[in-house]
Protein backbone atom coordinates (compact mmCIF):
# COMPACT_ATOMS: atom_id res chain seq x y z
CA MET A 1 41.58 65.99 141.96
CA PRO A 2 42.47 69.30 141.14
CA ILE A 3 40.29 71.79 142.00
CA VAL A 4 38.98 74.24 139.26
CA ALA A 5 38.21 77.85 140.10
CA GLN A 6 35.27 79.61 138.58
CA SER A 7 37.16 82.11 137.51
CA THR A 8 34.30 83.62 135.52
CA GLU A 9 31.98 84.06 138.68
CA THR A 10 34.42 84.78 141.33
CA THR A 11 34.80 88.67 142.89
CA ASP A 12 37.41 88.32 145.16
CA TRP A 13 40.70 90.20 145.32
CA VAL A 14 42.65 87.53 144.06
CA SER A 15 41.15 87.13 140.70
CA ARG A 16 41.34 90.84 140.18
CA PHE A 17 45.35 90.67 140.79
CA ALA A 18 45.68 87.54 138.81
CA ASP A 19 43.81 89.37 135.80
CA GLU A 20 46.32 92.34 136.15
CA VAL A 21 49.36 90.06 136.92
CA ILE A 22 48.73 87.90 133.85
CA GLU A 23 48.31 91.10 131.63
CA GLU A 24 51.56 92.50 132.98
CA SER A 25 53.28 89.23 132.20
CA GLU A 26 52.05 89.14 128.46
CA ARG A 27 53.06 92.91 127.86
CA ARG A 28 56.60 92.26 129.63
CA ALA A 29 57.52 88.47 129.03
CA PRO A 30 55.02 86.87 126.48
CA GLY A 31 54.95 83.17 126.60
CA LYS A 32 56.97 82.83 129.61
CA PRO A 33 56.24 81.65 132.89
CA VAL A 34 54.41 84.23 135.17
CA VAL A 35 56.94 84.94 137.86
CA VAL A 36 55.28 86.43 141.39
CA ALA A 37 57.99 86.72 144.42
CA SER A 38 58.40 86.84 148.10
CA GLY A 39 61.21 87.85 150.37
CA LEU A 40 61.87 86.22 153.85
CA SER A 41 64.68 86.78 156.07
CA PRO A 42 65.82 84.06 158.38
CA SER A 43 67.35 86.29 161.22
CA GLY A 44 64.66 84.81 163.97
CA PRO A 45 61.77 83.14 164.19
CA ILE A 46 59.44 83.96 160.28
CA HIS A 47 56.40 85.02 162.24
CA LEU A 48 52.55 85.23 161.37
CA GLY A 49 52.98 88.47 159.97
CA ASN A 50 55.61 87.42 157.54
CA LEU A 51 53.29 84.69 156.30
CA ARG A 52 51.56 87.53 154.52
CA GLU A 53 54.43 88.08 152.44
CA VAL A 54 54.23 84.35 151.38
CA MET A 55 50.42 84.06 151.19
CA THR A 56 49.74 87.05 148.88
CA PRO A 57 51.62 86.11 146.21
CA HIS A 58 51.10 82.39 146.30
CA LEU A 59 47.18 83.20 146.30
CA VAL A 60 47.51 85.05 143.09
CA ALA A 61 50.17 82.25 141.73
CA ASP A 62 47.76 79.28 142.51
CA GLU A 63 44.74 81.30 140.72
CA ILE A 64 46.90 81.86 137.55
CA ARG A 65 47.93 78.04 137.70
CA ARG A 66 44.34 77.30 138.24
CA ARG A 67 43.65 78.93 134.77
CA GLY A 68 46.29 76.48 133.65
CA ARG A 69 49.02 79.19 133.01
CA ARG A 70 52.69 78.33 134.07
CA VAL A 71 53.59 80.18 136.91
CA ARG A 72 56.78 80.53 139.32
CA HIS A 73 56.25 81.41 143.02
CA LEU A 74 59.76 82.40 144.13
CA ILE A 75 60.76 82.92 147.65
CA SER A 76 64.08 84.46 148.19
CA TRP A 77 65.35 83.49 151.54
CA ASP A 78 67.55 86.55 152.20
CA ASP A 79 70.09 84.32 154.37
CA TYR A 80 73.23 86.26 153.18
CA ASP A 81 71.94 89.57 155.03
CA ARG A 82 73.76 90.57 158.36
CA TYR A 83 72.91 89.13 161.32
CA ARG A 84 71.58 92.33 163.35
CA LYS A 85 70.92 91.59 166.99
CA VAL A 86 70.17 88.56 169.27
CA PRO A 87 66.57 88.01 169.29
CA ALA A 88 65.07 87.64 172.71
CA GLY A 89 63.07 84.67 173.77
CA VAL A 90 65.03 82.14 171.40
CA PRO A 91 65.71 78.53 173.36
CA GLY A 92 69.42 77.51 172.89
CA ILE A 93 70.85 80.89 172.63
CA ASP A 94 72.48 83.74 174.91
CA ALA A 95 74.32 86.86 175.27
CA SER A 96 77.26 85.29 173.55
CA TRP A 97 75.59 85.09 170.03
CA ALA A 98 76.16 88.88 170.26
CA GLU A 99 79.78 88.25 169.08
CA HIS A 100 78.43 87.33 165.45
CA ILE A 101 76.60 90.63 164.83
CA GLY A 102 77.67 91.89 161.67
CA LYS A 103 78.27 88.44 159.87
CA PRO A 104 75.95 86.64 157.22
CA LEU A 105 73.10 84.61 158.99
CA THR A 106 74.70 81.41 157.13
CA SER A 107 77.66 82.34 159.34
CA VAL A 108 76.15 82.51 162.58
CA PRO A 109 75.68 79.40 164.73
CA ALA A 110 72.59 77.80 164.94
CA PRO A 111 70.67 77.64 168.60
CA GLU A 112 72.35 74.79 171.21
CA GLY A 113 70.65 71.41 170.00
CA SER A 114 69.62 72.63 166.58
CA PRO A 115 70.28 69.79 163.81
CA HIS A 116 70.80 72.77 161.20
CA PRO A 117 73.85 74.04 160.11
CA ASN A 118 73.28 77.58 161.02
CA TRP A 119 71.25 80.11 162.43
CA ALA A 120 69.68 80.86 158.83
CA GLU A 121 69.05 77.09 158.22
CA HIS A 122 67.48 76.83 161.49
CA PHE A 123 64.68 79.32 161.19
CA LYS A 124 64.32 78.38 157.07
CA ALA A 125 63.21 74.68 158.07
CA ALA A 126 60.44 75.60 160.79
CA MET A 127 58.64 77.65 157.55
CA ILE A 128 59.24 75.04 154.98
CA GLU A 129 57.74 72.51 157.01
CA SER A 130 54.78 75.04 157.74
CA LEU A 131 54.27 76.07 154.08
CA ALA A 132 54.14 72.57 153.11
CA GLU A 133 51.44 71.57 155.68
CA MET A 134 49.58 74.53 154.20
CA GLY A 135 49.97 73.46 150.53
CA VAL A 136 52.25 76.63 149.49
CA GLU A 137 54.22 75.36 146.63
CA PHE A 138 57.21 77.73 145.53
CA ASP A 139 60.98 77.90 144.37
CA GLY A 140 63.60 78.56 147.04
CA ILE A 141 66.14 80.83 145.87
CA SER A 142 69.29 81.06 148.78
CA GLN A 143 70.72 84.67 148.37
CA ALA A 144 73.70 83.53 150.26
CA ALA A 145 74.26 80.33 147.27
CA GLN A 146 73.47 83.26 145.03
CA TYR A 147 76.25 85.86 146.19
CA THR A 148 78.42 83.22 147.07
CA SER A 149 78.38 81.36 143.47
CA GLY A 150 79.10 84.50 141.66
CA ALA A 151 75.49 84.26 140.12
CA TYR A 152 75.23 88.13 140.62
CA ARG A 153 78.67 89.16 139.34
CA GLU A 154 77.60 90.82 136.85
CA GLN A 155 74.97 92.86 138.08
CA ILE A 156 77.16 93.68 140.89
CA LEU A 157 80.05 95.13 138.60
CA HIS A 158 77.06 96.94 136.53
CA ALA A 159 75.84 98.76 139.94
CA MET A 160 79.14 99.64 140.64
CA LYS A 161 79.77 101.29 137.45
CA HIS A 162 76.35 103.42 137.60
CA ARG A 163 77.04 103.86 141.16
CA GLY A 164 76.83 107.92 140.54
CA ASP A 165 73.18 106.92 138.66
CA ILE A 166 72.41 105.13 142.05
CA ASP A 167 73.45 107.77 144.64
CA ALA A 168 71.50 110.60 142.84
CA VAL A 169 68.24 108.50 143.01
CA LEU A 170 68.93 107.72 146.59
CA ASP A 171 70.14 111.18 147.25
CA GLN A 172 66.44 112.68 146.28
CA TYR A 173 65.55 111.12 149.41
CA ARG A 174 68.39 111.13 152.27
CA THR A 175 67.37 114.57 153.28
CA LYS A 176 63.64 114.21 153.60
CA PRO A 177 62.51 113.10 157.06
CA LYS A 178 61.55 110.03 158.07
CA GLN A 179 57.74 108.98 157.79
CA ALA A 180 57.29 106.86 160.84
CA GLY A 181 59.62 106.14 163.55
CA LYS A 182 59.79 102.70 164.83
CA LYS A 183 56.59 101.69 166.39
CA GLN A 184 56.31 101.42 170.24
CA GLN A 185 56.11 97.85 171.57
CA LYS A 186 52.48 96.52 172.05
CA PRO A 187 51.10 94.28 174.65
CA VAL A 188 51.43 90.72 173.19
CA ASP A 189 47.53 90.00 173.11
CA GLU A 190 47.36 93.53 170.54
CA ALA A 191 50.69 93.03 168.84
CA GLU A 192 50.35 93.88 165.17
CA LEU A 193 53.28 91.47 163.61
CA GLU A 194 55.21 93.76 161.12
CA ALA A 195 57.19 92.34 158.44
CA GLU A 196 60.39 94.32 159.90
CA GLU A 197 62.56 92.13 159.62
CA GLY A 198 61.02 89.39 157.54
CA SER A 199 60.28 90.63 154.35
CA GLY A 200 63.54 90.94 153.01
CA ALA A 201 64.39 94.39 154.24
CA ALA A 202 66.57 93.23 157.20
CA SER A 203 67.52 96.85 156.97
CA GLU A 204 66.78 100.37 155.13
CA ASP A 205 70.75 100.46 154.15
CA ASP A 206 71.44 102.36 150.89
CA GLY A 207 75.21 102.13 151.33
CA SER A 208 78.08 104.43 152.01
CA SER A 209 79.57 107.74 151.17
CA GLY A 210 83.20 108.20 152.02
CA SER A 211 86.14 110.29 150.74
CA ALA A 212 86.36 107.82 147.97
CA GLY A 213 82.72 108.43 147.03
CA TYR A 214 79.31 106.31 146.81
CA PHE A 215 79.51 102.33 146.96
CA PRO A 216 76.32 100.27 146.50
CA TYR A 217 78.42 96.97 147.87
CA LYS A 218 79.59 95.99 150.99
CA PRO A 219 82.16 93.39 151.46
CA TYR A 220 81.84 91.02 154.58
CA CYS A 221 85.82 91.18 156.18
CA GLY A 222 87.94 88.05 154.96
CA ASN A 223 89.26 88.32 159.02
CA CYS A 224 86.00 88.47 161.10
CA GLU A 225 83.20 87.47 158.63
CA LYS A 226 81.40 91.07 159.43
CA ASP A 227 80.18 93.37 157.17
CA LEU A 228 81.57 96.40 159.28
CA THR A 229 83.67 97.39 156.27
CA THR A 230 84.44 100.65 154.11
CA VAL A 231 85.07 100.65 150.58
CA THR A 232 88.25 102.96 150.50
CA SER A 233 88.82 102.62 146.50
CA TYR A 234 87.42 100.87 143.17
CA ASP A 235 88.87 100.94 139.73
CA ASP A 236 86.21 100.03 137.04
CA ASP A 237 88.40 99.29 134.35
CA THR A 238 90.23 96.31 136.77
CA THR A 239 87.27 96.11 139.12
CA GLU A 240 89.91 96.24 141.99
CA LEU A 241 88.43 97.06 145.47
CA ALA A 242 90.03 97.77 148.88
CA TYR A 243 88.13 98.12 151.94
CA THR A 244 89.16 98.04 155.71
CA CYS A 245 87.31 96.51 158.31
CA THR A 246 86.23 99.29 161.29
CA ALA A 247 85.56 95.98 163.74
CA CYS A 248 89.11 94.34 163.60
CA GLY A 249 91.36 96.38 161.15
CA PHE A 250 91.88 94.16 158.64
CA GLU A 251 92.48 95.76 155.08
CA GLU A 252 92.36 93.57 151.82
CA THR A 253 92.49 94.30 147.97
CA VAL A 254 90.32 92.13 145.89
CA ARG A 255 89.14 91.92 142.36
CA LEU A 256 85.42 92.48 142.14
CA SER A 257 85.35 90.36 138.98
CA GLU A 258 86.01 87.23 140.99
CA PHE A 259 85.39 87.97 144.92
CA ASP A 260 81.99 86.72 146.08
CA ARG A 261 81.97 87.38 149.62
CA GLY A 262 79.79 90.33 149.65
CA LYS A 263 76.73 91.79 148.88
CA LEU A 264 74.69 95.13 147.28
CA VAL A 265 72.89 97.30 150.00
CA TRP A 266 69.35 96.17 150.55
CA LYS A 267 67.96 99.41 148.30
CA VAL A 268 70.07 98.19 145.61
CA ASP A 269 69.97 94.37 145.85
CA TRP A 270 65.89 94.06 145.99
CA PRO A 271 65.61 96.16 142.59
CA MET A 272 68.31 93.93 141.15
CA ARG A 273 66.58 90.62 142.04
CA TRP A 274 63.28 92.17 140.34
CA ALA A 275 65.36 92.79 136.91
CA TYR A 276 67.48 89.45 137.41
CA GLU A 277 64.15 87.37 137.96
CA GLY A 278 62.11 89.30 135.75
CA VAL A 279 59.42 89.49 138.63
CA ILE A 280 56.19 90.71 137.94
CA PHE A 281 54.31 90.36 141.48
CA GLU A 282 55.77 91.09 144.64
CA PRO A 283 53.65 92.68 147.73
CA SER A 284 55.71 94.77 150.39
CA GLY A 285 54.65 95.38 153.90
CA VAL A 286 53.48 99.10 155.30
CA ASP A 287 57.03 99.86 156.20
CA HIS A 288 58.24 99.43 152.76
CA SER A 289 55.91 101.58 150.95
CA SER A 290 56.28 104.66 152.50
CA PRO A 291 58.14 107.79 150.90
CA GLY A 292 61.53 106.98 150.45
CA SER A 293 61.39 103.45 151.47
CA SER A 294 62.60 100.56 149.82
CA PHE A 295 59.75 99.71 147.28
CA GLN A 296 59.63 103.41 146.16
CA VAL A 297 63.19 103.95 145.59
CA GLY A 298 63.43 100.37 144.17
CA GLY A 299 60.89 101.82 141.56
CA GLN A 300 63.65 104.32 140.38
CA ILE A 301 66.94 102.05 140.83
CA VAL A 302 65.34 98.96 138.57
CA GLY A 303 65.85 100.63 135.12
CA ILE A 304 69.24 101.20 135.96
CA PHE A 305 69.65 97.37 135.86
CA GLY A 306 66.98 97.26 132.53
CA GLY A 307 63.84 95.78 134.61
CA GLU A 308 60.48 97.18 135.48
CA GLN A 309 59.08 97.06 138.96
CA PRO A 310 56.88 94.54 140.17
CA ILE A 311 52.88 95.08 140.67
CA GLY A 312 53.06 95.85 144.34
CA PRO A 313 50.23 96.20 146.06
CA MET A 314 50.79 96.80 150.21
CA TYR A 315 49.63 94.81 152.72
CA ALA A 316 48.35 95.76 156.09
CA PHE A 317 49.59 94.27 159.52
CA VAL A 318 48.49 90.77 161.00
CA GLY A 319 47.18 91.28 164.56
CA ILE A 320 47.31 88.81 167.23
CA SER A 321 44.28 87.96 169.93
CA GLY A 322 45.16 85.86 173.21
CA MET A 323 49.00 85.85 173.55
CA ALA A 324 49.01 85.52 177.32
CA LYS A 325 49.24 81.80 177.24
CA MET A 326 51.80 81.71 174.19
CA SER A 327 55.02 80.09 175.38
CA SER A 328 58.06 82.53 176.24
CA SER A 329 59.86 80.54 174.04
CA ARG A 330 59.33 82.88 171.08
CA GLY A 331 59.02 86.05 172.84
CA GLY A 332 55.52 86.06 172.73
CA VAL A 333 55.34 86.26 168.89
CA PRO A 334 53.79 83.50 167.36
CA VAL A 335 54.76 81.60 164.00
CA PRO A 336 52.69 79.60 161.66
CA ALA A 337 53.76 76.36 163.04
CA ASP A 338 52.15 77.69 166.26
CA ALA A 339 48.77 78.45 164.55
CA LEU A 340 48.55 75.01 163.20
CA LYS A 341 49.04 73.57 166.33
CA ILE A 342 45.71 74.84 166.98
CA MET A 343 43.84 75.23 164.01
CA GLU A 344 43.73 73.22 160.51
CA PRO A 345 45.70 74.76 157.48
CA GLN A 346 42.17 75.47 155.67
CA LEU A 347 40.94 77.64 158.27
CA LEU A 348 44.57 79.53 158.40
CA ARG A 349 44.32 80.00 154.62
CA TRP A 350 41.19 81.34 154.81
CA LEU A 351 42.10 84.09 157.43
CA TYR A 352 44.67 85.02 154.62
CA ALA A 353 42.19 84.78 151.54
CA ARG A 354 39.32 86.09 152.87
CA ARG A 355 40.79 89.66 153.37
CA ARG A 356 42.32 92.17 150.95
CA PRO A 357 45.95 92.36 151.48
CA ASN A 358 45.46 96.09 152.63
CA GLN A 359 43.01 95.18 155.23
CA SER A 360 44.44 94.00 158.89
CA PHE A 361 43.02 91.08 160.28
CA LYS A 362 43.51 89.29 163.78
CA ILE A 363 44.65 85.46 164.11
CA ALA A 364 42.97 84.07 167.31
CA PHE A 365 44.69 82.09 170.06
CA ASP A 366 42.08 82.82 172.83
CA GLN A 367 38.35 81.81 173.11
CA GLU A 368 37.93 83.88 169.76
CA ILE A 369 39.01 80.49 167.69
CA GLN A 370 36.01 79.04 168.80
CA ARG A 371 34.03 81.78 167.20
CA LEU A 372 36.14 81.73 164.02
CA TYR A 373 35.63 78.17 163.53
CA ASP A 374 31.83 78.28 163.76
CA GLU A 375 31.55 81.14 160.94
CA TRP A 376 33.94 78.84 159.05
CA ASP A 377 31.40 75.82 159.57
CA LYS A 378 28.56 77.80 158.73
CA LEU A 379 30.45 78.71 155.57
CA VAL A 380 31.09 75.08 154.65
CA ALA A 381 27.14 74.46 155.14
CA LYS A 382 26.36 77.45 152.85
CA VAL A 383 28.86 76.39 150.24
CA ALA A 384 27.05 72.81 150.16
CA ASP A 385 24.30 74.25 149.97
CA GLY A 386 24.62 76.76 147.30
CA SER A 387 23.74 79.64 149.58
CA ALA A 388 27.19 80.92 150.00
CA LEU A 389 28.11 84.62 147.87
CA PRO A 390 30.67 84.22 144.81
CA ALA A 391 33.51 86.00 147.02
CA ASP A 392 33.20 83.69 150.02
CA VAL A 393 32.97 80.71 147.77
CA ALA A 394 36.19 81.89 146.17
CA ALA A 395 37.75 82.40 149.71
CA TYR A 396 36.33 79.31 150.73
CA THR A 397 38.10 77.29 147.31
CA ARG A 398 41.31 78.91 148.25
CA ALA A 399 41.11 77.92 151.77
CA VAL A 400 40.36 74.34 151.37
CA GLY A 401 43.13 73.21 148.62
CA THR A 402 45.25 74.46 145.51
CA ALA A 403 45.59 73.78 141.98
CA SER A 404 47.17 70.63 142.80
CA GLY A 405 44.37 69.36 144.48
CA GLU A 406 42.32 69.47 147.74
CA LEU A 407 44.32 69.68 151.30
CA PRO A 408 43.93 66.70 153.92
CA LYS A 409 40.85 67.44 156.29
CA THR A 410 38.81 66.14 159.07
CA PRO A 411 36.58 63.20 157.82
CA ARG A 412 34.02 64.25 160.70
CA PRO A 413 34.58 68.08 161.34
CA LEU A 414 32.54 68.49 164.48
CA PRO A 415 32.14 71.50 165.85
CA TYR A 416 35.54 72.90 167.50
CA ARG A 417 33.78 74.27 170.61
CA THR A 418 32.60 70.72 171.58
CA LEU A 419 35.87 69.14 170.63
CA ALA A 420 37.41 71.44 172.57
CA SER A 421 35.24 71.08 175.72
CA VAL A 422 35.65 67.40 175.41
CA ALA A 423 39.00 67.58 175.48
CA ASP A 424 39.23 69.74 178.58
CA ILE A 425 36.72 67.39 180.43
CA THR A 426 38.96 64.34 179.30
CA ALA A 427 41.99 65.99 180.06
CA GLY A 428 43.83 63.58 177.56
CA HIS A 429 41.73 60.26 178.14
CA GLN A 430 41.33 59.07 174.70
CA ASP A 431 38.66 56.40 175.41
CA GLN A 432 36.59 58.44 177.16
CA ALA A 433 36.63 61.27 174.61
CA LEU A 434 35.77 58.87 172.02
CA ARG A 435 32.71 57.84 174.38
CA ILE A 436 31.65 61.21 174.53
CA LEU A 437 31.97 62.05 170.75
CA SER A 438 30.35 58.71 169.94
CA GLU A 439 26.91 60.00 172.08
CA LEU A 440 26.78 63.38 170.33
CA ASP A 441 24.87 61.81 167.62
CA PRO A 442 23.52 58.27 168.34
CA ALA A 443 22.08 57.50 165.26
CA ASN A 444 25.87 57.93 163.01
CA PRO A 445 27.93 57.12 166.20
CA LEU A 446 31.57 58.05 165.81
CA SER A 447 33.47 54.75 165.72
CA SER A 448 36.95 55.97 165.92
CA LEU A 449 39.06 59.28 167.31
CA ASP A 450 40.26 59.27 163.96
CA GLU A 451 37.04 60.34 162.15
CA ALA A 452 37.65 63.62 164.14
CA ARG A 453 41.24 64.08 163.58
CA PRO A 454 42.99 66.13 162.84
CA ARG A 455 40.55 69.22 164.11
CA PHE A 456 40.28 67.00 167.65
CA ASP A 457 43.81 67.06 167.93
CA ARG A 458 44.21 70.89 167.21
CA ALA A 459 41.21 71.43 169.91
CA GLU A 460 43.08 69.55 172.43
CA SER A 461 46.53 71.40 171.77
CA TRP A 462 44.45 74.81 172.37
CA ILE A 463 42.80 73.52 175.41
CA ASN A 464 46.36 72.48 176.89
CA THR A 465 48.38 75.57 175.68
CA HIS A 466 46.18 78.44 175.37
CA VAL A 467 43.52 78.27 178.01
CA PRO A 468 44.78 79.22 181.79
CA ALA A 469 44.54 76.62 184.66
CA ASP A 470 41.83 78.52 186.41
CA GLN A 471 39.93 78.31 183.50
CA ARG A 472 39.90 74.60 182.85
CA THR A 473 36.98 72.33 183.68
CA VAL A 474 37.24 69.83 187.16
CA VAL A 475 33.96 68.09 187.52
CA ARG A 476 33.19 67.18 191.39
CA ASP A 477 34.46 64.13 192.41
CA GLU A 478 31.23 64.04 195.01
CA PRO A 479 28.06 65.61 195.22
CA ASP A 480 27.81 69.35 196.94
CA VAL A 481 25.74 68.18 199.57
CA ASP A 482 25.26 71.49 201.31
CA LEU A 483 24.10 73.35 198.06
CA LEU A 484 21.56 70.52 197.29
CA LYS A 485 20.14 70.63 200.68
CA SER A 486 19.82 74.87 200.47
CA LEU A 487 17.80 74.40 197.29
CA ASP A 488 14.20 75.60 197.26
CA GLU A 489 11.34 74.06 195.72
CA ALA A 490 11.53 75.42 192.23
CA SER A 491 15.05 74.56 192.28
CA GLN A 492 14.58 70.96 193.25
CA ARG A 493 11.86 70.58 190.65
CA SER A 494 13.90 72.07 188.07
CA VAL A 495 16.79 69.64 188.73
CA ARG A 496 14.11 66.72 188.75
CA LEU A 497 12.67 67.89 185.72
CA LEU A 498 16.28 67.48 184.23
CA LEU A 499 17.07 63.81 185.49
CA ASP A 500 13.99 62.46 184.69
CA GLY A 501 14.58 63.31 181.18
CA LEU A 502 17.92 62.46 180.82
CA ALA A 503 17.62 58.60 179.31
CA ASP A 504 15.28 60.15 176.67
CA ASN A 505 17.47 62.90 175.24
CA TRP A 506 20.76 61.50 175.99
CA SER A 507 22.28 62.78 172.57
CA LEU A 508 23.85 66.40 171.74
CA ASP A 509 20.59 67.62 170.35
CA GLY A 510 18.14 65.96 173.17
CA LEU A 511 20.32 67.44 175.91
CA THR A 512 20.28 70.80 174.18
CA HIS A 513 16.55 70.69 173.87
CA LEU A 514 16.13 69.29 177.28
CA VAL A 515 18.32 71.78 179.14
CA TYR A 516 16.70 74.75 177.64
CA GLY A 517 13.22 73.34 178.02
CA VAL A 518 13.15 72.66 181.68
CA PRO A 519 12.79 76.53 182.77
CA LYS A 520 10.10 76.45 180.01
CA VAL A 521 7.97 73.40 181.14
CA GLN A 522 8.77 75.15 184.90
CA ALA A 523 6.65 78.19 183.42
CA GLY A 524 3.98 76.52 182.06
CA PHE A 525 5.15 76.41 178.54
CA PRO A 526 5.60 73.66 176.22
CA ALA A 527 9.29 72.67 176.13
CA ASP A 528 9.25 73.58 172.35
CA ALA A 529 8.31 76.70 172.36
CA THR A 530 10.02 79.53 170.46
CA PRO A 531 12.05 82.62 171.85
CA LYS A 532 8.99 85.04 170.46
CA GLU A 533 6.26 82.58 171.81
CA LEU A 534 8.22 83.54 175.47
CA PRO A 535 8.47 86.30 177.96
CA PRO A 536 11.67 87.68 178.43
CA GLU A 537 11.80 86.02 182.08
CA ILE A 538 12.41 82.86 180.43
CA LYS A 539 15.78 83.71 179.55
CA THR A 540 16.63 84.89 182.94
CA ALA A 541 15.51 81.60 184.50
CA GLN A 542 17.18 79.72 181.88
CA ARG A 543 20.46 81.89 183.09
CA SER A 544 19.47 80.83 186.83
CA PHE A 545 19.15 77.06 185.87
CA PHE A 546 22.35 77.00 183.82
CA ALA A 547 24.33 78.44 186.89
CA LEU A 548 22.96 76.34 189.14
CA LEU A 549 23.99 73.11 186.98
CA TYR A 550 27.58 74.37 186.53
CA HIS A 551 27.64 74.91 190.66
CA LEU A 552 26.65 71.44 190.96
CA LEU A 553 28.73 69.49 188.46
CA VAL A 554 31.88 71.84 188.45
CA GLY A 555 31.85 74.24 191.16
CA ARG A 556 31.48 77.23 189.05
CA ASP A 557 29.19 79.74 187.72
CA THR A 558 30.11 78.91 183.95
CA GLY A 559 31.84 76.30 181.71
CA PRO A 560 31.66 74.16 178.35
CA ARG A 561 28.08 74.28 176.93
CA LEU A 562 26.30 72.41 179.24
CA PRO A 563 24.90 69.47 176.65
CA THR A 564 28.54 68.35 176.16
CA LEU A 565 29.31 68.84 179.47
CA LEU A 566 26.61 66.47 180.69
CA LEU A 567 27.71 63.85 177.64
CA ALA A 568 31.61 64.08 178.97
CA VAL A 569 30.61 63.81 182.82
CA GLY A 570 28.36 60.76 181.74
CA GLN A 571 24.62 59.88 182.79
CA GLU A 572 25.59 57.64 185.89
CA ARG A 573 27.77 60.52 187.19
CA VAL A 574 25.44 63.40 186.54
CA ARG A 575 22.88 61.47 188.57
CA THR A 576 24.83 61.31 191.51
CA LEU A 577 26.16 64.63 191.35
CA LEU A 578 22.63 66.13 190.80
CA GLY A 579 21.61 63.90 194.02
CA GLU A 580 19.53 61.12 193.02
């Protein structure tokens, strides 16, 4: 069933942008589909910072679609950009790939073992798969296909004819100092994922000026395929263009009206596409929004092509927490597929939907993911009982599905931290995991792990890939006899009280009540006494009791939540390890 947004009641940033975009579209192109756009360069792994380039217009387009209007979300794959460098940490490549620097990405071989025909297709495929899992609908446009098919031929000839006007705009900024230099590399657990290479701006190249004048177009060499070329002459009447290649010395003269092996430089290419596609809305990263950068300059150049600059919010960087265990196969920079291995698509969508584009946020790969899931589950409960705020309802609605319908979800969404603890303790034993999870709520037992999937699989993946070995839970094989013998009378009594209550409290809620209640009972209070009825010393006694149980069960001061741990160990083994 399609999800209908309560757009008249929502107050979130998506609705406000949708209002503005619809109004602007009616002014510019009444009766036509609204066009929003993203640009991604498959020059390497397309990371979670680049995903904001897609999610921002996706959410706006989806809101417009929910309102019953026609909308197109274009994703321009900048696969005709030059190959700039050999990225670190990509499996299947080595230093020999440096020989391809300067070629279009579609002319660079894919990493060894890839099923894809070239470098660009290899990295596009992973992103396309992740976007499908997240419910993102889009029209993909290959810029390599556009340029080599001659689709932009008229625009290229127009740019060359008006190169003086373009040069005059660009010249206003050439003498200005750069507003910001390259950021120093940060530790990966604090890294901000900048859209430096993934937002469509592989470089800030604005063309070259030489003895023959300024030219906003660069041919790829007919011999070595590289863009290390210099245009030496151009005739507007015949469109005859001559160039030389500084890489291999090749020289060639072509007719630009028939030649399709080159492209406009970035600062001209981007505004040309705004006009060509009629783009109404396209965000840009901080790096493209500073004075003299491509978005600002493009706003002046787009008029040369008869178009207008899109509404373009600047979006902030996306940070990552907990990257210490991240596989080095991607050089420590996670891509959407990495996030989707440890969290459901709804949670990842929610992270992008709940923050305005100009607000930065972090995606958790560490213990913080458990808190995020707790927060999400609380929101789900509030939406269900009608107590959630309108903006939170809007973010929830955008997270769980699109105008086309809801995303597949976990039938029994048990707490992520509980699932992670069970996955940790059972170490891949599915039968044991099912036994534990079925005992969480004896009145409504889980009959199959499939009811807890895919959330259980995500939690298991997180435990296996992002929790260091020394933090994994290993249950003792034998009782700690020395520790049991050393217990004082009070500690022995606390263990006895726990053992006596196991049978009658063998459920998640029951064991929670039991482990917190033992220190209360020992101090002379009822087991169900509230914190307000108890002196502060009870909290200290509870911490000491918990530490004792952890030592007896797993040989450490801490571990998974005790009720979950007890269920996981099993009643018989708990009794053995606690000395019964």
